[in-house]
């Protein structure tokens, strides 16, 4: 997910996306623990996207000094 696409979403949509990412990350980590290692690239990409969403939520927080 590109940063500009994430910035275009409002705060509620970002929080919804974050919830979906958390659930998907849980499922992928569970699959990896069961021995299905084909999800490693997906987990890495998902973690990066999740961090990107957290960063943009922090940027949009009111009272944030820049």
PDB file of N, CA and C in Angstrom:
ATOM      1  N   UNK A   1       0.854  -1.172   0.000  1.00  0.00           N
ATOM      2  CA  UNK A   1       0.000   0.000   0.000  1.00  0.00           C
ATOM      3  C   UNK A   1       0.899   1.233   0.000  1.00  0.00           C
ATOM      4  N   UNK A   2       0.645   2.143  -0.893  1.00  0.00           N
ATOM      5  CA  UNK A   2       1.451   3.350  -1.006  1.00  0.00           C
ATOM      6  C   UNK A   2       1.064   4.362   0.062  1.00  0.00           C
ATOM      7  N   UNK A   3       2.021   5.174   0.476  1.00  0.00           N
ATOM      8  CA  UNK A   3       1.801   6.151   1.537  1.00  0.00           C
ATOM      9  C   UNK A   3       0.750   7.188   1.136  1.00  0.00           C
ATOM     10  N   UNK A   4       0.771   7.603  -0.124  1.00  0.00           N
ATOM     11  CA  UNK A   4      -0.202   8.612  -0.563  1.00  0.00           C
ATOM     12  C   UNK A   4      -1.621   8.064  -0.497  1.00  0.00           C
ATOM     13  N   UNK A   5      -1.794   6.811  -0.841  1.00  0.00           N
ATOM     14  CA  UNK A   5      -3.117   6.193  -0.774  1.00  0.00           C
ATOM     15  C   UNK A   5      -3.604   6.150   0.672  1.00  0.00           C
ATOM     16  N   UNK A   6      -2.704   5.880   1.599  1.00  0.00           N
ATOM     17  CA  UNK A   6      -3.062   5.833   3.014  1.00  0.00           C
ATOM     18  C   UNK A   6      -3.398   7.227   3.519  1.00  0.00           C
ATOM     19  N   UNK A   7      -2.647   8.224   3.067  1.00  0.00           N
ATOM     20  CA  UNK A   7      -2.898   9.603   3.512  1.00  0.00           C
ATOM     21  C   UNK A   7      -4.261  10.124   3.046  1.00  0.00           C
ATOM     22  N   UNK A   8      -4.757   9.586   1.937  1.00  0.00           N
ATOM     23  CA  UNK A   8      -6.042  10.036   1.405  1.00  0.00           C
ATOM     24  C   UNK A   8      -7.232   9.525   2.225  1.00  0.00           C
ATOM     25  N   UNK A   9      -7.023   8.503   3.046  1.00  0.00           N
ATOM     26  CA  UNK A   9      -8.111   7.943   3.857  1.00  0.00           C
ATOM     27  C   UNK A   9      -8.323   8.786   5.112  1.00  0.00           C
ATOM     28  N   UNK A  10      -9.560   8.795   5.623  1.00  0.00           N
ATOM     29  CA  UNK A  10      -9.803   9.512   6.870  1.00  0.00           C
ATOM     30  C   UNK A  10      -9.463   8.599   8.056  1.00  0.00           C
ATOM     31  N   UNK A  11      -9.536   9.160   9.250  1.00  0.00           N
ATOM     32  CA  UNK A  11      -9.076   8.463  10.444  1.00  0.00           C
ATOM     33  C   UNK A  11      -9.868   7.180  10.725  1.00  0.00           C
ATOM     34  N   UNK A  12     -11.186   7.224  10.533  1.00  0.00           N
ATOM     35  CA  UNK A  12     -11.995   6.026  10.773  1.00  0.00           C
ATOM     36  C   UNK A  12     -11.637   4.898   9.814  1.00  0.00           C
ATOM     37  N   UNK A  13     -11.422   5.247   8.547  1.00  0.00           N
ATOM     38  CA  UNK A  13     -11.046   4.234   7.568  1.00  0.00           C
ATOM     39  C   UNK A  13      -9.674   3.650   7.895  1.00  0.00           C
ATOM     40  N   UNK A  14      -8.755   4.503   8.377  1.00  0.00           N
ATOM     41  CA  UNK A  14      -7.425   4.020   8.747  1.00  0.00           C
ATOM     42  C   UNK A  14      -7.501   3.040   9.912  1.00  0.00           C
ATOM     43  N   UNK A  15      -8.323   3.362  10.887  1.00  0.00           N
ATOM     44  CA  UNK A  15      -8.468   2.462  12.041  1.00  0.00           C
ATOM     45  C   UNK A  15      -9.103   1.134  11.618  1.00  0.00           C
ATOM     46  N   UNK A  16     -10.045   1.195  10.685  1.00  0.00           N
ATOM     47  CA  UNK A  16     -10.665  -0.024  10.170  1.00  0.00           C
ATOM     48  C   UNK A  16      -9.623  -0.871   9.428  1.00  0.00           C
ATOM     49  N   UNK A  17      -8.816  -0.215   8.595  1.00  0.00           N
ATOM     50  CA  UNK A  17      -7.752  -0.909   7.871  1.00  0.00           C
ATOM     51  C   UNK A  17      -6.778  -1.556   8.855  1.00  0.00           C
ATOM     52  N   UNK A  18      -6.465  -0.840   9.924  1.00  0.00           N
ATOM     53  CA  UNK A  18      -5.531  -1.347  10.925  1.00  0.00           C
ATOM     54  C   UNK A  18      -6.082  -2.598  11.594  1.00  0.00           C
ATOM     55  N   UNK A  19      -7.367  -2.618  11.884  1.00  0.00           N
ATOM     56  CA  UNK A  19      -7.997  -3.798  12.470  1.00  0.00           C
ATOM     57  C   UNK A  19      -7.938  -4.993  11.538  1.00  0.00           C
ATOM     58  N   UNK A  20      -8.191  -4.750  10.256  1.00  0.00           N
ATOM     59  CA  UNK A  20      -8.116  -5.829   9.270  1.00  0.00           C
ATOM     60  C   UNK A  20      -6.693  -6.343   9.139  1.00  0.00           C
ATOM     61  N   UNK A  21      -5.720  -5.440   9.162  1.00  0.00           N
ATOM     62  CA  UNK A  21      -4.319  -5.843   9.067  1.00  0.00           C
ATOM     63  C   UNK A  21      -3.899  -6.672  10.274  1.00  0.00           C
ATOM     64  N   UNK A  22      -4.354  -6.280  11.459  1.00  0.00           N
ATOM     65  CA  UNK A  22      -4.025  -7.044  12.662  1.00  0.00           C
ATOM     66  C   UNK A  22      -4.563  -8.468  12.574  1.00  0.00           C
ATOM     67  N   UNK A  23      -5.793  -8.588  12.099  1.00  0.00           N
ATOM     68  CA  UNK A  23      -6.405  -9.919  11.963  1.00  0.00           C
ATOM     69  C   UNK A  23      -5.669 -10.754  10.921  1.00  0.00           C
ATOM     70  N   UNK A  24      -5.323 -10.147   9.806  1.00  0.00           N
ATOM     71  CA  UNK A  24      -4.618 -10.859   8.756  1.00  0.00           C
ATOM     72  C   UNK A  24      -3.216 -11.268   9.227  1.00  0.00           C
ATOM     73  N   UNK A  25      -2.551 -10.385   9.966  1.00  0.00           N
ATOM     74  CA  UNK A  25      -1.229 -10.702  10.492  1.00  0.00           C
ATOM     75  C   UNK A  25      -1.299 -11.873  11.467  1.00  0.00           C
ATOM     76  N   UNK A  26      -2.313 -11.881  12.299  1.00  0.00           N
ATOM     77  CA  UNK A  26      -2.499 -12.988  13.238  1.00  0.00           C
ATOM     78  C   UNK A  26      -2.656 -14.302  12.490  1.00  0.00           C
ATOM     79  N   UNK A  27      -3.498 -14.287  11.450  1.00  0.00           N
ATOM     80  CA  UNK A  27      -3.733 -15.506  10.678  1.00  0.00           C
ATOM     81  C   UNK A  27      -2.458 -15.995   9.986  1.00  0.00           C
ATOM     82  N   UNK A  28      -1.679 -15.062   9.425  1.00  0.00           N
ATOM     83  CA  UNK A  28      -0.452 -15.449   8.742  1.00  0.00           C
ATOM     84  C   UNK A  28       0.577 -16.003   9.725  1.00  0.00           C
ATOM     85  N   UNK A  29       0.690 -15.383  10.898  1.00  0.00           N
ATOM     86  CA  UNK A  29       1.629 -15.879  11.892  1.00  0.00           C
ATOM     87  C   UNK A  29       1.207 -17.253  12.402  1.00  0.00           C
ATOM     88  N   UNK A  30      -0.084 -17.467  12.508  1.00  0.00           N
ATOM     89  CA  UNK A  30      -0.590 -18.774  12.926  1.00  0.00           C
ATOM     90  C   UNK A  30      -0.247 -19.827  11.881  1.00  0.00           C
ATOM     91  N   UNK A  31      -0.433 -19.487  10.611  1.00  0.00           N
ATOM     92  CA  UNK A  31      -0.095 -20.421   9.538  1.00  0.00           C
ATOM     93  C   UNK A  31       1.393 -20.744   9.553  1.00  0.00           C
ATOM     94  N   UNK A  32       2.227 -19.735   9.794  1.00  0.00           N
ATOM     95  CA  UNK A  32       3.665 -19.964   9.835  1.00  0.00           C
ATOM     96  C   UNK A  32       4.041 -20.860  11.007  1.00  0.00           C
ATOM     97  N   UNK A  33       3.360 -20.715  12.119  1.00  0.00           N
ATOM     98  CA  UNK A  33       3.662 -21.553  13.276  1.00  0.00           C
ATOM     99  C   UNK A  33       3.257 -23.006  13.030  1.00  0.00           C
ATOM    100  N   UNK A  34       2.333 -23.207  12.109  1.00  0.00           N
ATOM    101  CA  UNK A  34       1.901 -24.564  11.769  1.00  0.00           C
ATOM    102  C   UNK A  34       2.809 -25.192  10.710  1.00  0.00           C
ATOM    103  N   UNK A  35       3.813 -24.452  10.266  1.00  0.00           N
ATOM    104  CA  UNK A  35       4.777 -25.008   9.332  1.00  0.00           C
ATOM    105  C   UNK A  35       4.593 -24.600   7.888  1.00  0.00           C
ATOM    106  N   UNK A  36       3.672 -23.714   7.628  1.00  0.00           N
ATOM    107  CA  UNK A  36       3.460 -23.244   6.254  1.00  0.00           C
ATOM    108  C   UNK A  36       4.279 -21.962   6.065  1.00  0.00           C
ATOM    109  N   UNK A  37       5.486 -22.075   5.572  1.00  0.00           N
ATOM    110  CA  UNK A  37       6.415 -20.945   5.522  1.00  0.00           C
ATOM    111  C   UNK A  37       6.256 -20.068   4.289  1.00  0.00           C
ATOM    112  N   UNK A  38       5.275 -20.306   3.463  1.00  0.00           N
ATOM    113  CA  UNK A  38       5.121 -19.513   2.246  1.00  0.00           C
ATOM    114  C   UNK A  38       4.583 -18.107   2.516  1.00  0.00           C
ATOM    115  N   UNK A  39       4.251 -17.782   3.743  1.00  0.00           N
ATOM    116  CA  UNK A  39       3.680 -16.480   4.043  1.00  0.00           C
ATOM    117  C   UNK A  39       4.663 -15.466   4.576  1.00  0.00           C
ATOM    118  N   UNK A  40       5.963 -15.758   4.552  1.00  0.00           N
ATOM    119  CA  UNK A  40       6.946 -14.867   5.148  1.00  0.00           C
ATOM    120  C   UNK A  40       6.984 -13.507   4.458  1.00  0.00           C
ATOM    121  N   UNK A  41       6.961 -13.483   3.141  1.00  0.00           N
ATOM    122  CA  UNK A  41       6.986 -12.211   2.413  1.00  0.00           C
ATOM    123  C   UNK A  41       5.725 -11.409   2.690  1.00  0.00           C
ATOM    124  N   UNK A  42       4.613 -12.099   2.802  1.00  0.00           N
ATOM    125  CA  UNK A  42       3.350 -11.419   3.100  1.00  0.00           C
ATOM    126  C   UNK A  42       3.397 -10.790   4.487  1.00  0.00           C
ATOM    127  N   UNK A  43       3.968 -11.497   5.447  1.00  0.00           N
ATOM    128  CA  UNK A  43       4.058 -10.989   6.819  1.00  0.00           C
ATOM    129  C   UNK A  43       4.926  -9.741   6.854  1.00  0.00           C
ATOM    130  N   UNK A  44       6.056  -9.782   6.172  1.00  0.00           N
ATOM    131  CA  UNK A  44       6.947  -8.619   6.147  1.00  0.00           C
ATOM    132  C   UNK A  44       6.276  -7.408   5.515  1.00  0.00           C
ATOM    133  N   UNK A  45       5.616  -7.620   4.391  1.00  0.00           N
ATOM    134  CA  UNK A  45       4.931  -6.521   3.705  1.00  0.00           C
ATOM    135  C   UNK A  45       3.789  -5.983   4.563  1.00  0.00           C
ATOM    136  N   UNK A  46       3.077  -6.874   5.237  1.00  0.00           N
ATOM    137  CA  UNK A  46       1.957  -6.458   6.079  1.00  0.00           C
ATOM    138  C   UNK A  46       2.443  -5.642   7.273  1.00  0.00           C
ATOM    139  N   UNK A  47       3.562  -6.038   7.851  1.00  0.00           N
ATOM    140  CA  UNK A  47       4.131  -5.284   8.976  1.00  0.00           C
ATOM    141  C   UNK A  47       4.536  -3.886   8.536  1.00  0.00           C
ATOM    142  N   UNK A  48       5.106  -3.767   7.348  1.00  0.00           N
ATOM    143  CA  UNK A  48       5.499  -2.451   6.835  1.00  0.00           C
ATOM    144  C   UNK A  48       4.274  -1.581   6.583  1.00  0.00           C
ATOM    145  N   UNK A  49       3.236  -2.163   5.989  1.00  0.00           N
ATOM    146  CA  UNK A  49       2.003  -1.408   5.739  1.00  0.00           C
ATOM    147  C   UNK A  49       1.361  -0.973   7.054  1.00  0.00           C
ATOM    148  N   UNK A  50       1.391  -1.859   8.031  1.00  0.00           N
ATOM    149  CA  UNK A  50       0.816  -1.562   9.345  1.00  0.00           C
ATOM    150  C   UNK A  50       1.569  -0.398  10.006  1.00  0.00           C
ATOM    151  N   UNK A  51       2.883  -0.409   9.905  1.00  0.00           N
ATOM    152  CA  UNK A  51       3.691   0.677  10.454  1.00  0.00           C
ATOM    153  C   UNK A  51       3.402   1.987   9.727  1.00  0.00           C
ATOM    154  N   UNK A  52       3.190   1.896   8.418  1.00  0.00           N
ATOM    155  CA  UNK A  52       2.874   3.086   7.626  1.00  0.00           C
ATOM    156  C   UNK A  52       1.545   3.690   8.084  1.00  0.00           C
ATOM    157  N   UNK A  53       0.548   2.853   8.344  1.00  0.00           N
ATOM    158  CA  UNK A  53      -0.757   3.338   8.803  1.00  0.00           C
ATOM    159  C   UNK A  53      -0.618   3.973  10.186  1.00  0.00           C
ATOM    160  N   UNK A  54       0.144   3.348  11.076  1.00  0.00           N
ATOM    161  CA  UNK A  54       0.357   3.919  12.413  1.00  0.00           C
ATOM    162  C   UNK A  54       1.023   5.290  12.316  1.00  0.00           C
ATOM    163  N   UNK A  55       2.005   5.424  11.439  1.00  0.00           N
ATOM    164  CA  UNK A  55       2.709   6.690  11.271  1.00  0.00           C
ATOM    165  C   UNK A  55       1.766   7.776  10.792  1.00  0.00           C
ATOM    166  N   UNK A  56       0.936   7.463   9.829  1.00  0.00           N
ATOM    167  CA  UNK A  56       0.027   8.470   9.278  1.00  0.00           C
ATOM    168  C   UNK A  56      -1.062   8.814  10.286  1.00  0.00           C
ATOM    169  N   UNK A  57      -1.516   7.844  11.080  1.00  0.00           N
ATOM    170  CA  UNK A  57      -2.471   8.158  12.153  1.00  0.00           C
ATOM    171  C   UNK A  57      -1.846   9.117  13.163  1.00  0.00           C
ATOM    172  N   UNK A  58      -0.575   8.896  13.460  1.00  0.00           N
ATOM    173  CA  UNK A  58       0.122   9.772  14.398  1.00  0.00           C
ATOM    174  C   UNK A  58       0.268  11.174  13.811  1.00  0.00           C
ATOM    175  N   UNK A  59       0.514  11.269  12.503  1.00  0.00           N
ATOM    176  CA  UNK A  59       0.617  12.570  11.844  1.00  0.00           C
ATOM    177  C   UNK A  59      -0.701  13.324  11.875  1.00  0.00           C
ATOM    178  N   UNK A  60      -1.800  12.592  11.752  1.00  0.00           N
ATOM    179  CA  UNK A  60      -3.120  13.224  11.716  1.00  0.00           C
ATOM    180  C   UNK A  60      -3.670  13.545  13.105  1.00  0.00           C
ATOM    181  N   UNK A  61      -2.986  13.111  14.155  1.00  0.00           N
ATOM    182  CA  UNK A  61      -3.480  13.325  15.516  1.00  0.00           C
ATOM    183  C   UNK A  61      -3.489  14.834  15.809  1.00  0.00           C
ATOM    184  N   UNK A  62      -4.564  15.315  16.428  1.00  0.00           N
ATOM    185  CA  UNK A  62      -4.630  16.744  16.748  1.00  0.00           C
ATOM    186  C   UNK A  62      -3.606  17.097  17.830  1.00  0.00           C
ATOM    187  N   UNK A  63      -3.040  18.287  17.700  1.00  0.00           N
ATOM    188  CA  UNK A  63      -2.081  18.757  18.687  1.00  0.00           C
ATOM    189  C   UNK A  63      -0.685  18.216  18.476  1.00  0.00           C
ATOM    190  N   UNK A  64      -0.462  17.595  17.361  1.00  0.00           N
ATOM    191  CA  UNK A  64       0.850  17.019  17.070  1.00  0.00           C
ATOM    192  C   UNK A  64       1.778  18.130  16.586  1.00  0.00           C
ATOM    193  N   UNK A  65       2.927  18.264  17.226  1.00  0.00           N
ATOM    194  CA  UNK A  65       3.919  19.253  16.802  1.00  0.00           C
ATOM    195  C   UNK A  65       4.770  18.655  15.707  1.00  0.00           C
ATOM    196  N   UNK A  66       5.080  19.482  14.707  1.00  0.00           N
ATOM    197  CA  UNK A  66       5.893  19.008  13.586  1.00  0.00           C
ATOM    198  C   UNK A  66       7.165  19.788  13.511  1.00  0.00           C
TER     199      UNK A  66
END
